[in-house]
Amino acid sequence: QVQLVESGGGLVQPGGSLRLSCAVSGIYGNRFNMFTMSWYRQAPGKDREWVADITGSDSTNYADSVKGRFTISRDGVKKMVYLQMNSLRPEDTAVYYCNGRWLHNYWGQGTQVTVSS
């Protein structure tokens, strides 16, 4: 079965950087290239919101709130997805979730990112 495991969250000061990773397992051969991979986040008391996604052909899209600060990437050999987050702001504080989508929708358990001085 497909599993997604996020890592890399933590506490960072405003203006700092973090790199989130998502390890994908249970996808064999070249099927990982069929998946659109995304990052979502959910802040306390708010709905989960889409942050960024990347297709199997490396086409990327970003929410306006993170455009120019965050970069999503993927490694098809390692079956990894990354979110490089720069110039972090307190409003970026949330649990960040990795999502994989092809025929079905798969979610990781999330990793906490806290931006605070």
Protein backbone atom coordinates (compact mmCIF):
# COMPACT_ATOMS: atom_id res chain seq x y z
CA GLN A 1 0.00 0.00 0.00
CA VAL A 2 1.09 3.56 -0.62
CA GLN A 3 2.57 5.34 2.38
CA LEU A 4 3.78 8.91 2.75
CA VAL A 5 5.99 9.95 5.67
CA GLU A 6 6.87 13.59 6.27
CA SER A 7 9.92 14.86 8.16
CA GLY A 8 11.89 18.05 8.66
CA GLY A 9 9.47 20.15 10.66
CA GLY A 10 10.48 22.10 13.73
CA LEU A 11 10.76 25.48 15.39
CA VAL A 12 12.33 28.30 13.41
CA GLN A 13 12.60 32.06 13.86
CA PRO A 14 10.86 34.46 11.48
CA GLY A 15 12.95 34.89 8.36
CA GLY A 16 14.48 31.45 8.74
CA SER A 17 14.33 28.38 6.52
CA LEU A 18 13.25 24.77 6.75
CA ARG A 19 13.24 21.90 4.29
CA LEU A 20 10.44 19.38 4.56
CA SER A 21 10.78 15.91 3.11
CA CYS A 22 8.17 13.33 2.14
CA ALA A 23 9.25 9.72 1.66
CA VAL A 24 6.91 7.73 -0.57
CA SER A 25 6.74 3.93 -0.47
CA GLY A 26 4.51 1.26 -1.97
CA ILE A 27 4.76 2.64 -5.52
CA TYR A 28 6.71 0.44 -7.89
CA GLY A 29 8.41 0.90 -11.21
CA ASN A 30 7.78 4.22 -12.94
CA ARG A 31 4.33 4.69 -11.47
CA PHE A 32 5.61 7.43 -9.15
CA ASN A 33 5.81 9.64 -12.25
CA MET A 34 2.02 9.34 -12.62
CA PHE A 35 1.45 10.95 -9.24
CA THR A 36 0.90 14.64 -8.70
CA MET A 37 2.52 15.36 -5.35
CA SER A 38 1.38 18.23 -3.18
CA TRP A 39 1.96 19.91 0.14
CA TYR A 40 -0.94 21.14 2.23
CA ARG A 41 -0.97 22.80 5.63
CA GLN A 42 -3.43 23.25 8.46
CA ALA A 43 -3.09 25.96 11.07
CA PRO A 44 -4.88 25.72 14.43
CA GLY A 45 -8.57 26.48 14.03
CA LYS A 46 -8.36 26.72 10.25
CA ASP A 47 -9.17 24.47 7.32
CA ARG A 48 -6.46 22.54 5.55
CA GLU A 49 -5.13 24.60 2.64
CA TRP A 50 -3.17 23.72 -0.45
CA VAL A 51 0.40 25.06 -0.55
CA ALA A 52 2.07 23.71 -3.69
CA ASP A 53 2.11 20.82 -6.11
CA ILE A 54 4.36 19.21 -8.68
CA THR A 55 3.47 16.87 -11.51
CA GLY A 56 5.42 13.92 -12.82
CA SER A 57 6.84 16.20 -15.50
CA ASP A 58 8.01 18.66 -12.81
CA SER A 59 5.41 21.32 -13.53
CA THR A 60 4.85 23.30 -10.33
CA ASN A 61 2.14 25.50 -8.87
CA TYR A 62 2.08 27.55 -5.69
CA ALA A 63 -0.44 29.28 -3.49
CA ASP A 64 -0.09 33.05 -3.68
CA SER A 65 0.79 33.18 0.02
CA VAL A 66 4.01 31.18 -0.51
CA LYS A 67 4.97 32.08 -4.07
CA GLY A 68 8.58 33.25 -4.24
CA ARG A 69 9.39 31.86 -0.78
CA PHE A 70 8.69 28.12 -1.06
CA THR A 71 9.99 25.64 -3.63
CA ILE A 72 8.58 22.17 -4.23
CA SER A 73 10.69 19.47 -5.86
CA ARG A 74 10.72 15.72 -6.33
CA ASP A 75 13.25 12.93 -6.83
CA GLY A 76 11.81 10.12 -8.93
CA VAL A 77 14.64 7.72 -8.16
CA LYS A 78 14.45 8.12 -4.39
CA LYS A 79 10.64 8.62 -4.49
CA MET A 80 10.97 11.74 -2.37
CA VAL A 81 9.19 15.08 -2.40
CA TYR A 82 10.62 18.21 -0.82
CA LEU A 83 9.39 21.62 0.24
CA GLN A 84 12.10 24.22 0.70
CA MET A 85 10.66 27.03 2.82
CA ASN A 86 12.53 30.34 3.01
CA SER A 87 11.69 33.70 4.58
CA LEU A 88 9.32 31.99 6.97
CA ARG A 89 6.65 34.02 8.70
CA PRO A 90 4.62 33.38 11.86
CA GLU A 91 1.56 32.83 9.66
CA ASP A 92 3.32 29.83 8.08
CA THR A 93 2.93 28.01 11.39
CA ALA A 94 0.92 24.86 10.71
CA VAL A 95 1.00 21.11 10.39
CA TYR A 96 2.29 20.37 6.89
CA TYR A 97 0.95 17.35 5.03
CA CYS A 98 2.27 15.54 2.00
CA ASN A 99 -0.32 14.38 -0.53
CA GLY A 100 -0.02 12.02 -3.48
CA ARG A 101 -2.74 11.82 -6.07
CA TRP A 102 -3.24 9.31 -8.94
CA LEU A 103 -6.45 7.33 -9.18
CA HIS A 104 -6.59 7.64 -5.38
CA ASN A 105 -5.66 10.25 -2.83
CA TYR A 106 -2.98 9.50 -0.25
CA TRP A 107 -1.95 11.52 2.81
CA GLY A 108 0.90 11.50 5.26
CA GLN A 109 0.54 12.06 8.99
CA GLY A 110 1.96 15.57 8.92
CA THR A 111 4.90 17.42 10.41
CA GLN A 112 4.65 20.48 12.65
CA VAL A 113 6.24 23.75 11.56
CA THR A 114 6.34 26.56 14.10
CA VAL A 115 7.64 30.00 13.18
CA SER A 116 8.19 32.07 16.29
CA SER A 117 10.79 34.23 17.97
